[in-house]
Amino acid sequence: PSDVQAECFASIKAWVAEAGVRNVLNPVPLDVRDSIWAVPDVDAIYCCNMIHVAPWSATVGLFAGAGRKLSVGSALILYGPYRFDGGFTAESNRDFDRSLRSQNPEWGLKDVSDLGELAAGHRLRLAQCIERPANNHMLIFRKYEAES
């Protein structure tokens, strides 16, 4: 696990301890906007409920880092609320987006089509979109081979 804020590490460790799992490493500091991630290459990246409470630059950084750290066929998995072709899946998501933008104009639900365009620039493509509870979705992007 990682977080941009080290003060979140205690909470992360507490959740891991409560789950009783032993295969989760200690959290590491990571700002996805950094051009160098001080972590090894990974088999998958799971990002839950982040990009709607972060500026677009964090989303760009996440996809750029995934493009660097994932091997061909590996997945960037995003979980959270999204817009689809400019629309909202529910009125509650529209209200949530409005609330987020009132707190910070750089926040808000990202559009899946914009994410798809961003992904392509980092050799990623949307492979699957899965509806989840409470008007959330899981988006699975896969890294593909560069064309020669």
N, C-alpha and C. Protein backbone atom coordinates (compact mmCIF):
# COMPACT_ATOMS: atom_id res chain seq x y z
N PRO A 1 0.83 -1.20 0.00
CA PRO A 1 0.00 0.00 0.00
C PRO A 1 0.87 1.26 0.00
N SER A 2 0.28 2.35 -0.47
CA SER A 2 1.00 3.61 -0.49
C SER A 2 0.01 4.74 -0.23
N ASP A 3 0.57 5.89 0.13
CA ASP A 3 -0.22 7.09 0.30
C ASP A 3 0.71 8.27 0.18
N VAL A 4 0.19 9.38 -0.27
CA VAL A 4 0.99 10.59 -0.38
C VAL A 4 1.21 11.19 1.02
N GLN A 5 0.34 10.86 1.98
CA GLN A 5 0.41 11.41 3.32
C GLN A 5 0.85 10.33 4.31
N ALA A 6 2.05 10.50 4.86
CA ALA A 6 2.59 9.51 5.80
C ALA A 6 1.71 9.35 7.04
N GLU A 7 0.95 10.40 7.39
CA GLU A 7 0.08 10.29 8.56
C GLU A 7 -1.03 9.27 8.36
N CYS A 8 -1.23 8.80 7.14
CA CYS A 8 -2.24 7.78 6.86
C CYS A 8 -1.71 6.36 7.09
N PHE A 9 -0.42 6.23 7.28
CA PHE A 9 0.18 4.90 7.40
C PHE A 9 -0.36 4.12 8.61
N ALA A 10 -0.58 4.79 9.72
CA ALA A 10 -1.10 4.10 10.92
C ALA A 10 -2.47 3.49 10.62
N SER A 11 -3.31 4.24 9.92
CA SER A 11 -4.63 3.73 9.55
C SER A 11 -4.52 2.54 8.62
N ILE A 12 -3.62 2.62 7.64
CA ILE A 12 -3.42 1.51 6.71
C ILE A 12 -2.98 0.27 7.48
N LYS A 13 -2.01 0.44 8.37
CA LYS A 13 -1.51 -0.69 9.16
C LYS A 13 -2.61 -1.28 10.03
N ALA A 14 -3.47 -0.43 10.59
CA ALA A 14 -4.57 -0.92 11.43
C ALA A 14 -5.55 -1.76 10.62
N TRP A 15 -5.88 -1.32 9.39
CA TRP A 15 -6.78 -2.09 8.53
C TRP A 15 -6.17 -3.45 8.17
N VAL A 16 -4.88 -3.46 7.89
CA VAL A 16 -4.20 -4.71 7.56
C VAL A 16 -4.21 -5.64 8.78
N ALA A 17 -3.94 -5.09 9.96
CA ALA A 17 -3.94 -5.90 11.18
C ALA A 17 -5.33 -6.47 11.46
N GLU A 18 -6.36 -5.63 11.29
CA GLU A 18 -7.73 -6.09 11.52
C GLU A 18 -8.12 -7.20 10.56
N ALA A 19 -7.63 -7.11 9.33
CA ALA A 19 -7.93 -8.15 8.33
C ALA A 19 -7.19 -9.45 8.64
N GLY A 20 -6.13 -9.36 9.43
CA GLY A 20 -5.41 -10.56 9.82
C GLY A 20 -4.58 -11.17 8.70
N VAL A 21 -4.24 -10.39 7.70
CA VAL A 21 -3.44 -10.92 6.60
C VAL A 21 -1.95 -10.66 6.87
N ARG A 22 -1.12 -11.53 6.31
CA ARG A 22 0.31 -11.41 6.55
C ARG A 22 1.09 -11.16 5.26
N ASN A 23 0.39 -11.03 4.16
CA ASN A 23 1.07 -10.87 2.88
C ASN A 23 1.01 -9.44 2.34
N VAL A 24 0.81 -8.47 3.24
CA VAL A 24 0.76 -7.07 2.84
C VAL A 24 1.97 -6.36 3.45
N LEU A 25 2.76 -5.74 2.61
CA LEU A 25 3.93 -5.01 3.07
C LEU A 25 3.53 -3.73 3.78
N ASN A 26 4.48 -3.13 4.50
CA ASN A 26 4.23 -1.84 5.13
C ASN A 26 3.98 -0.78 4.07
N PRO A 27 3.18 0.22 4.39
CA PRO A 27 2.91 1.28 3.41
C PRO A 27 4.17 2.09 3.10
N VAL A 28 4.20 2.60 1.88
CA VAL A 28 5.32 3.43 1.44
C VAL A 28 4.78 4.78 0.96
N PRO A 29 5.58 5.82 1.11
CA PRO A 29 5.15 7.12 0.60
C PRO A 29 5.21 7.14 -0.91
N LEU A 30 4.15 7.64 -1.54
CA LEU A 30 4.12 7.72 -3.00
C LEU A 30 3.20 8.85 -3.42
N ASP A 31 3.76 9.78 -4.16
CA ASP A 31 2.97 10.81 -4.82
C ASP A 31 2.94 10.40 -6.29
N VAL A 32 1.79 10.01 -6.79
CA VAL A 32 1.70 9.50 -8.15
C VAL A 32 2.15 10.51 -9.19
N ARG A 33 2.21 11.77 -8.82
CA ARG A 33 2.63 12.81 -9.77
C ARG A 33 4.14 12.84 -9.97
N ASP A 34 4.89 12.16 -9.10
CA ASP A 34 6.34 12.11 -9.24
C ASP A 34 6.73 11.31 -10.48
N SER A 35 7.74 11.77 -11.18
CA SER A 35 8.16 11.07 -12.40
C SER A 35 8.94 9.80 -12.09
N ILE A 36 9.44 9.68 -10.88
CA ILE A 36 10.11 8.45 -10.46
C ILE A 36 9.39 7.92 -9.23
N TRP A 37 8.92 6.69 -9.32
CA TRP A 37 8.30 6.03 -8.18
C TRP A 37 9.35 5.12 -7.55
N ALA A 38 9.62 5.31 -6.28
CA ALA A 38 10.63 4.51 -5.58
C ALA A 38 10.03 3.18 -5.12
N VAL A 39 9.43 2.48 -6.06
CA VAL A 39 8.87 1.15 -5.80
C VAL A 39 9.29 0.26 -6.97
N PRO A 40 9.36 -1.05 -6.73
CA PRO A 40 9.72 -1.95 -7.84
C PRO A 40 8.59 -2.05 -8.86
N ASP A 41 8.91 -2.64 -10.01
CA ASP A 41 7.85 -2.93 -10.98
C ASP A 41 6.84 -3.85 -10.31
N VAL A 42 5.59 -3.76 -10.72
CA VAL A 42 4.52 -4.48 -10.04
C VAL A 42 3.68 -5.27 -11.04
N ASP A 43 2.95 -6.24 -10.53
CA ASP A 43 2.07 -7.06 -11.36
C ASP A 43 0.71 -6.41 -11.57
N ALA A 44 0.33 -5.53 -10.66
CA ALA A 44 -0.96 -4.83 -10.76
C ALA A 44 -0.91 -3.59 -9.88
N ILE A 45 -1.73 -2.63 -10.23
CA ILE A 45 -1.90 -1.43 -9.41
C ILE A 45 -3.40 -1.31 -9.15
N TYR A 46 -3.77 -1.20 -7.87
CA TYR A 46 -5.16 -1.03 -7.48
C TYR A 46 -5.29 0.33 -6.83
N CYS A 47 -6.14 1.16 -7.37
CA CYS A 47 -6.33 2.52 -6.87
C CYS A 47 -7.81 2.69 -6.55
N CYS A 48 -8.11 2.85 -5.28
CA CYS A 48 -9.50 2.90 -4.82
C CYS A 48 -9.86 4.30 -4.33
N ASN A 49 -10.92 4.85 -4.91
CA ASN A 49 -11.49 6.11 -4.43
C ASN A 49 -10.47 7.24 -4.29
N MET A 50 -9.61 7.39 -5.30
CA MET A 50 -8.64 8.46 -5.24
C MET A 50 -8.89 9.56 -6.27
N ILE A 51 -9.07 9.18 -7.52
CA ILE A 51 -8.96 10.20 -8.56
C ILE A 51 -10.08 11.24 -8.52
N HIS A 52 -11.19 10.95 -7.89
CA HIS A 52 -12.25 11.97 -7.81
C HIS A 52 -11.97 12.99 -6.69
N VAL A 53 -11.03 12.68 -5.79
CA VAL A 53 -10.66 13.63 -4.74
C VAL A 53 -9.22 14.08 -4.94
N ALA A 54 -8.84 14.22 -6.19
CA ALA A 54 -7.49 14.64 -6.54
C ALA A 54 -7.57 15.45 -7.83
N PRO A 55 -6.57 16.30 -8.05
CA PRO A 55 -6.57 17.05 -9.31
C PRO A 55 -6.26 16.14 -10.49
N TRP A 56 -6.58 16.61 -11.70
CA TRP A 56 -6.33 15.84 -12.91
C TRP A 56 -4.85 15.45 -13.00
N SER A 57 -3.95 16.29 -12.50
CA SER A 57 -2.51 15.98 -12.56
C SER A 57 -2.20 14.68 -11.82
N ALA A 58 -2.93 14.36 -10.77
CA ALA A 58 -2.73 13.09 -10.07
C ALA A 58 -3.18 11.91 -10.93
N THR A 59 -4.26 12.09 -11.66
CA THR A 59 -4.73 11.04 -12.58
C THR A 59 -3.71 10.82 -13.69
N VAL A 60 -3.19 11.91 -14.23
CA VAL A 60 -2.16 11.81 -15.27
C VAL A 60 -0.94 11.09 -14.70
N GLY A 61 -0.52 11.46 -13.49
CA GLY A 61 0.63 10.81 -12.86
C GLY A 61 0.41 9.33 -12.61
N LEU A 62 -0.81 8.98 -12.19
CA LEU A 62 -1.14 7.57 -11.95
C LEU A 62 -0.99 6.76 -13.23
N PHE A 63 -1.56 7.25 -14.32
CA PHE A 63 -1.48 6.51 -15.59
C PHE A 63 -0.05 6.47 -16.12
N ALA A 64 0.69 7.57 -15.97
CA ALA A 64 2.09 7.59 -16.41
C ALA A 64 2.91 6.58 -15.61
N GLY A 65 2.72 6.56 -14.31
CA GLY A 65 3.44 5.60 -13.46
C GLY A 65 3.06 4.17 -13.78
N ALA A 66 1.78 3.94 -14.03
CA ALA A 66 1.33 2.59 -14.40
C ALA A 66 1.98 2.17 -15.71
N GLY A 67 2.07 3.11 -16.65
CA GLY A 67 2.72 2.82 -17.93
C GLY A 67 4.18 2.43 -17.76
N ARG A 68 4.84 3.02 -16.76
CA ARG A 68 6.25 2.71 -16.50
C ARG A 68 6.42 1.43 -15.69
N LYS A 69 5.56 1.19 -14.71
CA LYS A 69 5.78 0.12 -13.73
C LYS A 69 5.12 -1.21 -14.08
N LEU A 70 4.11 -1.21 -14.93
CA LEU A 70 3.41 -2.45 -15.27
C LEU A 70 4.06 -3.12 -16.48
N SER A 71 4.06 -4.44 -16.46
CA SER A 71 4.52 -5.19 -17.63
C SER A 71 3.33 -5.42 -18.56
N VAL A 72 3.61 -5.81 -19.78
CA VAL A 72 2.56 -6.06 -20.77
C VAL A 72 1.57 -7.10 -20.21
N GLY A 73 0.30 -6.79 -20.33
CA GLY A 73 -0.76 -7.67 -19.84
C GLY A 73 -1.19 -7.39 -18.41
N SER A 74 -0.37 -6.65 -17.65
CA SER A 74 -0.70 -6.33 -16.26
C SER A 74 -1.79 -5.27 -16.20
N ALA A 75 -2.39 -5.13 -15.01
CA ALA A 75 -3.58 -4.30 -14.88
C ALA A 75 -3.41 -3.10 -13.96
N LEU A 76 -4.00 -1.98 -14.39
CA LEU A 76 -4.28 -0.84 -13.54
C LEU A 76 -5.77 -0.93 -13.25
N ILE A 77 -6.11 -1.09 -11.98
CA ILE A 77 -7.51 -1.28 -11.58
C ILE A 77 -7.95 -0.07 -10.77
N LEU A 78 -8.97 0.60 -11.25
CA LEU A 78 -9.52 1.77 -10.56
C LEU A 78 -10.90 1.44 -10.02
N TYR A 79 -11.17 1.94 -8.81
CA TYR A 79 -12.48 1.74 -8.21
C TYR A 79 -12.99 3.09 -7.75
N GLY A 80 -14.25 3.37 -8.04
CA GLY A 80 -14.85 4.61 -7.57
C GLY A 80 -16.01 5.03 -8.45
N PRO A 81 -16.49 6.26 -8.25
CA PRO A 81 -17.57 6.80 -9.08
C PRO A 81 -17.00 7.50 -10.31
N TYR A 82 -17.69 7.39 -11.43
CA TYR A 82 -17.23 7.98 -12.69
C TYR A 82 -18.40 8.55 -13.46
N ARG A 83 -18.07 9.41 -14.43
CA ARG A 83 -19.04 9.86 -15.42
C ARG A 83 -18.81 9.02 -16.68
N PHE A 84 -19.85 8.90 -17.49
CA PHE A 84 -19.76 8.17 -18.74
C PHE A 84 -20.28 9.06 -19.85
N ASP A 85 -19.40 9.39 -20.79
CA ASP A 85 -19.75 10.27 -21.92
C ASP A 85 -20.42 11.55 -21.43
N GLY A 86 -19.86 12.12 -20.37
CA GLY A 86 -20.36 13.38 -19.83
C GLY A 86 -21.52 13.26 -18.87
N GLY A 87 -22.14 12.08 -18.79
CA GLY A 87 -23.31 11.91 -17.95
C GLY A 87 -23.00 11.18 -16.65
N PHE A 88 -23.93 11.25 -15.74
CA PHE A 88 -23.81 10.59 -14.45
C PHE A 88 -24.70 9.35 -14.43
N THR A 89 -24.28 8.33 -13.70
CA THR A 89 -25.07 7.10 -13.62
C THR A 89 -26.23 7.23 -12.64
N ALA A 90 -26.17 8.26 -11.78
CA ALA A 90 -27.24 8.47 -10.81
C ALA A 90 -27.22 9.92 -10.35
N GLU A 91 -28.35 10.41 -9.93
CA GLU A 91 -28.44 11.78 -9.42
C GLU A 91 -27.52 11.96 -8.20
N SER A 92 -27.36 10.92 -7.40
CA SER A 92 -26.47 11.02 -6.23
C SER A 92 -25.02 11.26 -6.66
N ASN A 93 -24.62 10.71 -7.79
CA ASN A 93 -23.27 10.96 -8.28
C ASN A 93 -23.12 12.41 -8.77
N ARG A 94 -24.17 12.94 -9.38
CA ARG A 94 -24.15 14.35 -9.80
C ARG A 94 -24.00 15.25 -8.56
N ASP A 95 -24.77 14.93 -7.50
CA ASP A 95 -24.69 15.71 -6.26
C ASP A 95 -23.30 15.58 -5.63
N PHE A 96 -22.75 14.37 -5.65
CA PHE A 96 -21.43 14.13 -5.08
C PHE A 96 -20.38 14.93 -5.85
N ASP A 97 -20.45 14.91 -7.18
CA ASP A 97 -19.53 15.68 -8.01
C ASP A 97 -19.62 17.16 -7.68
N ARG A 98 -20.82 17.68 -7.56
CA ARG A 98 -21.03 19.09 -7.23
C ARG A 98 -20.41 19.42 -5.87
N SER A 99 -20.61 18.52 -4.90
CA SER A 99 -20.05 18.72 -3.56
C SER A 99 -18.51 18.72 -3.59
N LEU A 100 -17.95 17.78 -4.33
CA LEU A 100 -16.49 17.73 -4.43
C LEU A 100 -15.94 19.00 -5.06
N ARG A 101 -16.54 19.44 -6.15
CA ARG A 101 -16.05 20.62 -6.87
C ARG A 101 -16.22 21.90 -6.02
N SER A 102 -17.21 21.91 -5.12
CA SER A 102 -17.37 23.07 -4.23
C SER A 102 -16.25 23.11 -3.18
N GLN A 103 -15.71 21.95 -2.84
CA GLN A 103 -14.59 21.89 -1.88
C GLN A 103 -13.27 22.23 -2.55
N ASN A 104 -13.13 21.78 -3.81
CA ASN A 104 -11.90 22.03 -4.56
C ASN A 104 -12.26 21.93 -6.04
N PRO A 105 -12.11 23.00 -6.80
CA PRO A 105 -12.51 22.97 -8.22
C PRO A 105 -11.74 21.95 -9.05
N GLU A 106 -10.61 21.45 -8.56
CA GLU A 106 -9.82 20.45 -9.30
C GLU A 106 -10.31 19.02 -9.03
N TRP A 107 -11.23 18.87 -8.09
CA TRP A 107 -11.77 17.56 -7.77
C TRP A 107 -13.02 17.31 -8.61
N GLY A 108 -13.51 16.08 -8.54
CA GLY A 108 -14.76 15.73 -9.21
C GLY A 108 -14.65 14.41 -9.95
N LEU A 109 -15.81 13.86 -10.30
CA LEU A 109 -15.85 12.58 -10.99
C LEU A 109 -15.23 12.72 -12.37
N LYS A 110 -14.32 11.81 -12.69
CA LYS A 110 -13.64 11.82 -13.99
C LYS A 110 -14.48 11.02 -14.98
N ASP A 111 -14.39 11.42 -16.24
CA ASP A 111 -15.15 10.76 -17.29
C ASP A 111 -14.34 9.58 -17.85
N VAL A 112 -14.99 8.45 -17.99
CA VAL A 112 -14.33 7.24 -18.47
C VAL A 112 -13.74 7.45 -19.86
N SER A 113 -14.39 8.22 -20.71
CA SER A 113 -13.82 8.45 -22.05
C SER A 113 -12.52 9.25 -21.95
N ASP A 114 -12.43 10.21 -21.04
CA ASP A 114 -11.19 10.95 -20.83
C ASP A 114 -10.09 10.02 -20.30
N LEU A 115 -10.47 9.13 -19.41
CA LEU A 115 -9.51 8.16 -18.88
C LEU A 115 -8.99 7.25 -19.98
N GLY A 116 -9.87 6.84 -20.88
CA GLY A 116 -9.47 6.00 -21.99
C GLY A 116 -8.46 6.69 -22.89
N GLU A 117 -8.69 7.98 -23.17
CA GLU A 117 -7.75 8.75 -23.98
C GLU A 117 -6.41 8.89 -23.27
N LEU A 118 -6.45 9.18 -21.98
CA LEU A 118 -5.22 9.29 -21.19
C LEU A 118 -4.47 7.97 -21.19
N ALA A 119 -5.19 6.89 -20.98
CA ALA A 119 -4.59 5.55 -20.92
C ALA A 119 -3.81 5.23 -22.19
N ALA A 120 -4.39 5.55 -23.32
CA ALA A 120 -3.76 5.22 -24.61
C ALA A 120 -2.37 5.83 -24.73
N GLY A 121 -2.16 6.97 -24.15
CA GLY A 121 -0.85 7.61 -24.18
C GLY A 121 0.19 6.93 -23.33
N HIS A 122 -0.24 5.94 -22.56
CA HIS A 122 0.67 5.22 -21.67
C HIS A 122 0.60 3.71 -21.90
N ARG A 123 0.20 3.36 -23.13
CA ARG A 123 0.10 1.95 -23.55
C ARG A 123 -0.84 1.15 -22.63
N LEU A 124 -1.95 1.77 -22.28
CA LEU A 124 -2.98 1.11 -21.48
C LEU A 124 -4.29 1.26 -22.24
N ARG A 125 -5.16 0.26 -22.11
CA ARG A 125 -6.50 0.38 -22.69
C ARG A 125 -7.51 -0.23 -21.73
N LEU A 126 -8.70 0.35 -21.75
CA LEU A 126 -9.78 -0.15 -20.90
C LEU A 126 -10.19 -1.51 -21.39
N ALA A 127 -10.03 -2.53 -20.55
CA ALA A 127 -10.36 -3.90 -20.90
C ALA A 127 -11.72 -4.31 -20.34
N GLN A 128 -12.10 -3.71 -19.21
CA GLN A 128 -13.34 -4.13 -18.57
C GLN A 128 -13.87 -3.02 -17.67
N CYS A 129 -15.17 -2.88 -17.62
CA CYS A 129 -15.85 -1.94 -16.74
C CYS A 129 -16.93 -2.73 -16.01
N ILE A 130 -16.83 -2.79 -14.70
CA ILE A 130 -17.72 -3.62 -13.90
C ILE A 130 -18.52 -2.73 -12.95
N GLU A 131 -19.85 -2.81 -13.03
CA GLU A 131 -20.69 -2.08 -12.08
C GLU A 131 -20.50 -2.63 -10.69
N ARG A 132 -20.43 -1.73 -9.71
CA ARG A 132 -20.29 -2.11 -8.30
C ARG A 132 -21.38 -1.40 -7.51
N PRO A 133 -21.54 -1.75 -6.25
CA PRO A 133 -22.59 -1.12 -5.44
C PRO A 133 -22.39 0.40 -5.29
N ALA A 134 -23.46 1.06 -4.92
CA ALA A 134 -23.48 2.49 -4.60
C ALA A 134 -23.01 3.36 -5.77
N ASN A 135 -23.39 2.98 -6.99
CA ASN A 135 -23.07 3.76 -8.20
C ASN A 135 -21.58 3.90 -8.46
N ASN A 136 -20.81 2.91 -8.03
CA ASN A 136 -19.38 2.86 -8.31
C ASN A 136 -19.12 1.88 -9.44
N HIS A 137 -17.91 1.95 -9.99
CA HIS A 137 -17.48 1.03 -11.05
C HIS A 137 -16.03 0.64 -10.82
N MET A 138 -15.69 -0.53 -11.27
CA MET A 138 -14.31 -0.97 -11.31
C MET A 138 -13.88 -0.94 -12.76
N LEU A 139 -12.83 -0.17 -13.03
CA LEU A 139 -12.30 -0.05 -14.38
C LEU A 139 -10.97 -0.78 -14.43
N ILE A 140 -10.84 -1.71 -15.36
CA ILE A 140 -9.61 -2.48 -15.49
C ILE A 140 -8.95 -2.11 -16.80
N PHE A 141 -7.79 -1.47 -16.67
CA PHE A 141 -6.98 -1.10 -17.83
C PHE A 141 -5.83 -2.10 -17.92
N ARG A 142 -5.52 -2.55 -19.12
CA ARG A 142 -4.41 -3.50 -19.35
C ARG A 142 -3.33 -2.82 -20.18
N LYS A 143 -2.09 -3.10 -19.81
CA LYS A 143 -0.98 -2.57 -20.58
C LYS A 143 -0.77 -3.45 -21.82
N TYR A 144 -0.54 -2.81 -22.96
CA TYR A 144 -0.35 -3.54 -24.19
C TYR A 144 1.05 -3.30 -24.75
N GLU A 145 1.43 -4.16 -25.66
CA GLU A 145 2.74 -4.11 -26.31
C GLU A 145 2.83 -2.88 -27.20
N ALA A 146 3.97 -2.25 -27.18
CA ALA A 146 4.18 -1.11 -28.08
C ALA A 146 4.28 -1.60 -29.52
N GLU A 147 3.69 -0.84 -30.42
CA GLU A 147 3.78 -1.21 -31.85
C GLU A 147 5.15 -0.81 -32.36
N SER A 148 5.73 -1.66 -33.22
CA SER A 148 7.06 -1.34 -33.74
C SER A 148 7.01 -0.61 -35.03
